Protein backbone atom coordinates (compact mmCIF):
# COMPACT_ATOMS: atom_id res chain seq x y z
CA MET A 1 0.00 0.00 0.00
CA ARG A 2 1.07 3.50 -0.67
CA GLN A 3 2.45 5.55 2.21
CA PRO A 4 1.30 9.07 1.07
CA HIS A 5 -2.16 10.10 -0.16
CA ARG A 6 -5.33 12.29 -0.94
CA SER A 7 -11.18 15.66 -2.00
CA ALA A 8 -13.56 15.37 -4.65
CA ALA A 9 -17.29 15.49 -4.26
CA VAL A 10 -19.30 12.29 -4.43
CA ARG A 11 -22.41 12.84 -6.47
CA SER A 12 -25.27 10.85 -4.94
CA CYS A 13 -28.42 9.72 -6.72
CA SER A 14 -31.14 8.23 -4.55
CA SER A 15 -33.64 7.74 -7.37
CA GLY A 16 -33.85 4.48 -9.21
CA GLY A 17 -35.79 1.58 -7.79
CA ALA A 18 -35.62 -2.14 -7.25
CA ASP A 19 -35.53 -2.69 -11.01
CA GLY A 20 -32.00 -1.26 -10.94
CA ARG A 21 -32.67 1.37 -13.60
CA LEU A 22 -30.25 4.29 -13.67
CA PRO A 23 -31.47 7.73 -12.64
CA ALA A 24 -32.18 9.86 -15.69
CA LEU A 25 -29.53 12.41 -14.73
CA VAL A 26 -26.67 9.90 -15.09
CA PRO A 27 -25.42 10.04 -18.72
CA LEU A 28 -24.69 6.45 -19.72
CA PHE A 29 -21.59 7.42 -21.71
CA HIS A 30 -20.06 8.79 -18.50
CA ILE A 31 -20.17 5.43 -16.75
CA ARG A 32 -16.85 3.60 -16.78
CA ARG A 33 -17.55 0.88 -14.28
CA VAL A 34 -20.34 -0.48 -12.06
CA LEU A 35 -19.42 -1.76 -8.61
CA TYR A 36 -22.02 -3.54 -6.50
CA TRP A 37 -21.63 -3.31 -2.76
CA PRO A 38 -23.10 -5.34 0.14
CA GLY A 39 -26.43 -3.84 1.04
CA HIS A 40 -28.71 -1.86 -1.23
CA GLN A 41 -26.35 0.25 -3.30
CA CYS A 42 -24.11 0.12 -6.29
CA PHE A 43 -21.43 2.62 -7.23
CA LEU A 44 -21.30 3.94 -10.78
CA LEU A 45 -17.76 5.12 -11.44
CA GLY A 46 -17.94 7.86 -14.05
CA GLN A 47 -15.46 10.11 -15.78
CA ARG A 48 -15.90 12.92 -13.27
CA GLY A 49 -17.07 11.31 -10.07
CA VAL A 50 -19.15 8.60 -8.47
CA TYR A 51 -22.90 8.14 -8.62
CA VAL A 52 -24.51 6.14 -5.82
CA LEU A 53 -27.60 4.21 -6.88
CA ASN A 54 -29.99 2.67 -4.33
CA THR A 55 -31.10 -0.51 -6.06
CA GLY A 56 -33.14 -2.07 -3.29
CA ILE A 57 -31.45 -5.36 -4.09
CA GLU A 58 -29.06 -6.86 -1.60
CA LYS A 59 -26.18 -8.70 -3.18
CA GLN A 60 -25.29 -11.89 -1.35
CA PRO A 61 -22.35 -14.10 -2.31
CA GLN A 62 -23.11 -17.61 -3.53
CA ARG A 63 -21.66 -20.05 -1.03
CA SER A 64 -20.69 -23.65 -1.63
CA ALA A 65 -21.55 -26.40 0.82
CA ARG A 66 -17.94 -26.63 1.96
CA GLU A 67 -17.43 -22.92 2.63
CA ALA A 68 -15.72 -21.89 5.84
CA VAL A 69 -18.63 -19.82 7.15
CA ASP A 70 -16.55 -17.74 9.56
CA VAL A 71 -14.99 -15.67 6.73
CA THR A 72 -17.41 -13.69 4.55
CA ASP A 73 -15.60 -10.52 3.44
CA ILE A 74 -11.93 -9.96 2.59
CA PHE A 75 -10.58 -6.48 1.89
CA CYS A 76 -7.09 -6.16 0.46
CA ASP A 77 -4.73 -3.22 -0.02
CA PHE A 78 -3.01 -2.99 -3.41
CA ASP A 79 0.33 -1.13 -3.45
CA GLY A 80 2.94 -3.29 -1.75
CA THR A 81 0.39 -5.97 -0.86
CA ILE A 82 -0.86 -7.27 -4.20
CA THR A 83 2.10 -5.73 -6.01
CA ARG A 84 5.61 -6.59 -4.86
CA VAL A 85 6.59 -2.93 -5.02
CA ASP A 86 4.64 0.20 -4.22
CA ALA A 87 3.12 0.81 -7.67
CA THR A 88 2.44 4.51 -7.12
CA ASP A 89 5.97 5.18 -5.91
CA ALA A 90 7.36 3.19 -8.83
CA VAL A 91 5.48 5.44 -11.27
CA LEU A 92 6.70 8.58 -9.51
CA GLU A 93 10.29 7.40 -9.43
CA ALA A 94 10.18 6.57 -13.14
CA PHE A 95 8.25 9.52 -14.57
CA ALA A 96 7.83 12.39 -12.08
CA LEU A 97 10.03 15.44 -11.69
CA PRO A 98 12.29 15.24 -8.60
CA ALA A 99 10.10 17.68 -6.66
CA TRP A 100 7.70 14.78 -5.91
CA GLN A 101 10.02 13.71 -3.11
CA GLY A 102 9.62 17.07 -1.38
CA TRP A 103 5.84 16.67 -1.30
CA GLU A 104 6.37 13.16 0.04
CA GLN A 105 8.48 14.44 2.91
CA ARG A 106 5.95 17.14 3.78
CA TRP A 107 3.29 14.45 4.02
CA VAL A 108 5.53 12.22 6.14
CA ASN A 109 6.11 15.20 8.45
CA GLY A 110 2.36 15.70 8.83
CA GLU A 111 2.38 19.11 7.12
CA ILE A 112 -0.13 18.16 4.39
CA THR A 113 -2.81 15.51 3.90
CA SER A 114 -2.26 12.50 1.73
CA GLN A 115 -4.81 13.91 -0.73
CA GLU A 116 -2.77 17.06 -1.28
CA CYS A 117 0.44 15.07 -1.45
CA LEU A 118 -0.72 12.75 -4.22
CA ALA A 119 -2.47 15.52 -6.16
CA ARG A 120 0.75 17.56 -6.19
CA GLN A 121 2.83 14.54 -7.15
CA VAL A 122 0.56 13.58 -10.05
CA GLU A 123 1.03 17.08 -11.50
CA LEU A 124 4.74 16.26 -11.82
CA ILE A 125 4.34 13.06 -13.86
CA GLN A 126 5.83 13.41 -17.36
CA ALA A 127 4.35 10.48 -19.29
CA ASP A 128 1.48 9.81 -21.68
CA ARG A 129 -1.30 7.24 -21.26
CA GLU A 130 0.36 4.54 -23.35
CA THR A 131 3.68 4.84 -21.54
CA LEU A 132 2.06 4.61 -18.11
CA ALA A 133 -0.10 1.67 -19.17
CA ALA A 134 2.86 -0.33 -20.44
CA PHE A 135 4.92 0.45 -17.37
CA ALA A 136 2.12 -0.52 -14.97
CA ALA A 137 1.34 -3.80 -16.72
CA ASN A 138 4.89 -4.98 -16.16
CA LEU A 139 5.08 -4.29 -12.44
CA PRO A 140 5.51 -7.55 -10.49
CA ILE A 141 2.72 -8.93 -8.33
CA ASP A 142 2.52 -11.37 -5.46
CA GLU A 143 1.28 -14.45 -7.32
CA GLY A 144 -0.62 -15.47 -4.21
CA ILE A 145 -3.40 -13.07 -5.20
CA LEU A 146 -4.37 -15.49 -7.98
CA ASP A 147 -4.84 -18.33 -5.52
CA LEU A 148 -6.62 -16.06 -3.05
CA ASP A 149 -9.05 -14.99 -5.77
CA GLN A 150 -9.73 -18.61 -6.75
CA ARG A 151 -10.28 -19.72 -3.16
CA CYS A 152 -12.69 -16.86 -2.57
CA LYS A 153 -14.67 -17.85 -5.66
CA GLU A 154 -14.90 -21.45 -4.46
CA ARG A 155 -16.04 -20.48 -0.98
CA GLY A 156 -18.35 -17.62 -1.93
CA VAL A 157 -16.20 -15.13 -0.04
CA SER A 158 -16.26 -11.50 -1.17
CA LEU A 159 -12.79 -10.16 -2.14
CA THR A 160 -12.48 -6.39 -2.62
CA ILE A 161 -9.45 -4.19 -3.33
CA VAL A 162 -9.26 -0.90 -1.42
CA SER A 163 -6.39 1.31 -2.55
CA ASP A 164 -5.17 4.82 -1.86
CA GLY A 165 -3.21 4.65 -5.09
CA LEU A 166 -4.16 5.33 -8.72
CA ASP A 167 -7.01 3.41 -10.35
CA PHE A 168 -5.47 3.60 -13.84
CA ILE A 169 -2.37 1.81 -12.60
CA VAL A 170 -4.38 -0.72 -10.58
CA GLU A 171 -6.59 -1.60 -13.55
CA LYS A 172 -3.67 -2.13 -15.94
CA ILE A 173 -2.03 -4.54 -13.51
CA LEU A 174 -5.26 -6.43 -12.83
CA HIS A 175 -5.97 -6.69 -16.56
CA ARG A 176 -2.54 -8.21 -17.19
CA HIS A 177 -3.28 -10.98 -14.69
CA GLY A 178 -6.97 -11.64 -15.43
CA LEU A 179 -8.27 -10.01 -12.26
CA LEU A 180 -10.41 -7.17 -13.63
CA HIS A 181 -13.53 -8.80 -12.17
CA LEU A 182 -12.45 -7.79 -8.66
CA PRO A 183 -14.18 -4.69 -7.22
CA VAL A 184 -11.72 -1.83 -6.80
CA PHE A 185 -12.05 1.39 -4.81
CA SER A 186 -9.21 3.81 -5.52
CA ASN A 187 -8.32 7.38 -6.47
CA HIS A 188 -9.28 8.28 -10.05
CA LEU A 189 -6.53 9.23 -12.50
CA TRP A 190 -7.68 10.70 -15.80
CA TRP A 191 -6.63 12.95 -18.69
CA ASP A 192 -8.36 16.23 -19.51
CA ALA A 193 -9.16 17.51 -23.03
CA GLN A 194 -5.64 18.96 -23.31
CA GLY A 195 -4.07 15.63 -22.42
CA ARG A 196 -2.99 16.74 -18.96
CA LEU A 197 -3.11 14.37 -16.02
CA ALA A 198 -5.82 15.04 -13.44
CA LEU A 199 -6.76 13.37 -10.17
CA SER A 200 -10.04 13.07 -8.28
CA PHE A 201 -11.02 11.33 -5.06
CA PRO A 202 -14.42 9.65 -5.53
CA PHE A 203 -14.12 7.66 -2.30
CA ALA A 204 -12.88 10.41 0.02
CA THR A 205 -14.97 11.46 3.02
CA GLN A 206 -14.92 14.63 5.09
CA GLU A 207 -14.83 12.65 8.32
CA CYS A 208 -11.71 10.68 7.34
CA ARG A 209 -9.22 11.41 10.10
CA SER A 210 -6.20 10.62 7.95
CA GLY A 211 -7.31 12.78 5.01
CA ALA A 212 -6.94 9.82 2.68
CA GLY A 213 -8.10 9.94 -0.93
CA THR A 214 -9.83 6.60 -0.46
CA CYS A 215 -11.39 6.30 2.99
CA LYS A 216 -10.83 2.64 3.68
CA CYS A 217 -12.85 2.73 6.90
CA VAL A 218 -15.99 3.68 4.94
CA MET A 219 -15.35 1.38 1.99
CA THR A 220 -14.89 -1.66 4.23
CA ARG A 221 -18.16 -1.27 6.11
CA THR A 222 -20.31 -4.33 5.58
CA THR A 223 -24.03 -4.91 6.01
CA GLY A 224 -23.60 -8.65 6.51
CA PRO A 225 -24.83 -10.58 9.56
CA SER A 226 -23.25 -9.88 12.92
CA SER A 227 -21.60 -13.30 12.75
CA ALA A 228 -19.76 -12.38 9.55
CA ARG A 229 -15.99 -12.30 9.88
CA THR A 230 -14.25 -9.51 8.01
CA VAL A 231 -10.58 -9.84 7.09
CA TYR A 232 -8.19 -7.05 6.12
CA ILE A 233 -4.81 -7.49 4.41
CA GLY A 234 -2.34 -4.61 4.23
CA ASP A 235 1.19 -3.36 4.62
CA GLY A 236 1.42 0.37 5.30
CA GLN A 237 0.24 3.69 6.61
CA SER A 238 -3.06 4.01 4.74
CA ASP A 239 -4.07 0.68 6.29
CA GLN A 240 -3.65 1.79 9.89
CA CYS A 241 -7.02 3.37 10.67
CA VAL A 242 -9.09 0.59 9.11
CA SER A 243 -7.04 -2.12 10.83
CA GLY A 244 -8.43 -1.05 14.18
CA LYS A 245 -11.96 -1.74 12.92
CA MET A 246 -11.46 -5.19 11.36
CA GLN A 247 -12.11 -8.50 13.10
CA THR A 248 -8.99 -10.08 11.59
CA VAL A 249 -5.93 -8.26 10.23
CA PHE A 250 -3.06 -9.72 8.22
CA ALA A 251 -0.19 -7.24 8.39
CA LYS A 252 3.33 -6.88 7.04
CA GLY A 253 5.82 -4.05 6.64
CA THR A 254 5.15 -0.83 8.51
CA LEU A 255 1.55 -1.87 9.22
CA ARG A 256 2.77 -4.85 11.21
CA LYS A 257 5.13 -2.64 13.23
CA TRP A 258 2.32 -0.14 13.86
CA CYS A 259 -0.09 -2.87 14.98
CA GLU A 260 2.47 -4.32 17.38
CA ARG A 261 3.31 -0.88 18.76
CA THR A 262 -0.32 0.15 19.29
CA GLY A 263 -1.63 -3.19 20.50
CA ILE A 264 -3.81 -3.95 17.47
CA PRO A 265 -4.02 -7.75 17.08
CA CYS A 266 -2.64 -8.89 13.75
CA ILE A 267 -1.41 -11.99 11.95
CA PRO A 268 2.05 -11.37 10.45
CA PHE A 269 2.64 -12.42 6.83
CA GLU A 270 5.12 -11.84 4.03
CA THR A 271 3.33 -13.35 1.03
CA LEU A 272 -0.32 -13.78 0.10
CA ALA A 273 0.28 -17.52 -0.15
CA GLU A 274 0.63 -17.46 3.64
CA VAL A 275 -2.72 -15.70 3.91
CA VAL A 276 -4.38 -18.30 1.69
CA ASP A 277 -2.79 -21.08 3.73
CA ARG A 278 -4.09 -19.60 6.96
CA LEU A 279 -7.59 -18.85 5.72
CA PHE A 280 -8.38 -21.75 3.45
CA VAL A 281 -5.83 -24.53 2.97
CA LYS A 282 -5.33 -25.53 6.58
CA GLU A 283 -8.79 -24.21 7.43
CA ALA A 284 -7.38 -22.85 10.66
CA ARG A 285 -9.89 -20.84 12.62
CA ILE A 286 -8.55 -17.34 13.16
CA ALA A 287 -8.91 -15.52 16.43
């Protein structure tokens, strides 16, 4: 997961009924992606923001007879957790002007929010769409994500990516490895009419204490039964706040050190294969 990060308004549409029809004010050509969410909503990720549609239909995962019923929702960080390197930092190191490091240090020092940090850094990137896409697609991943995805499918467990990085980069990596079906909540990188990079924060919230571009605490809320066991997997600073709200946390890197220092229970790991082994293969019950 990325260590710095990032306010854009969320446009909310409460019209639209149980038939799932889109509100008339949402232009269909603006919709890039539809993300269903536990409960009665789906998110319509458009070119300039997010539309929230109340469908009245609760999405429930299909469970097999041999599912381990104590795990129902898994949320996973992306940068440094699914990827072997921090993907956002890799892009900045390769294509941004050197001043990006100064913004990074100001964020580390607590002088600016992660939103401002990433917005300023994106302005310094000197690369076109095709160059960024090719670079992102070749970033290495933890191959354990493929097994984790397969196990979740078999057991009817929801697997969602929550990232405070850049959705364009995330999507190119997922596409390369056949994982585009996974729901992703991340900051939105786009190009304006003049071909300049722009950044928006469709999943930011005013109440987010860390000022993150993607408020992971909000995006990991579940409407499942009280017996549902939620699992979080992460490695860094943007995973700290949400880790205190999860029933089970797998932590590595600076997140593990933070959990140990603050008394947040966590299960240490280095690879996602270890997470799969703990959750599914040995069918160990997690405390």
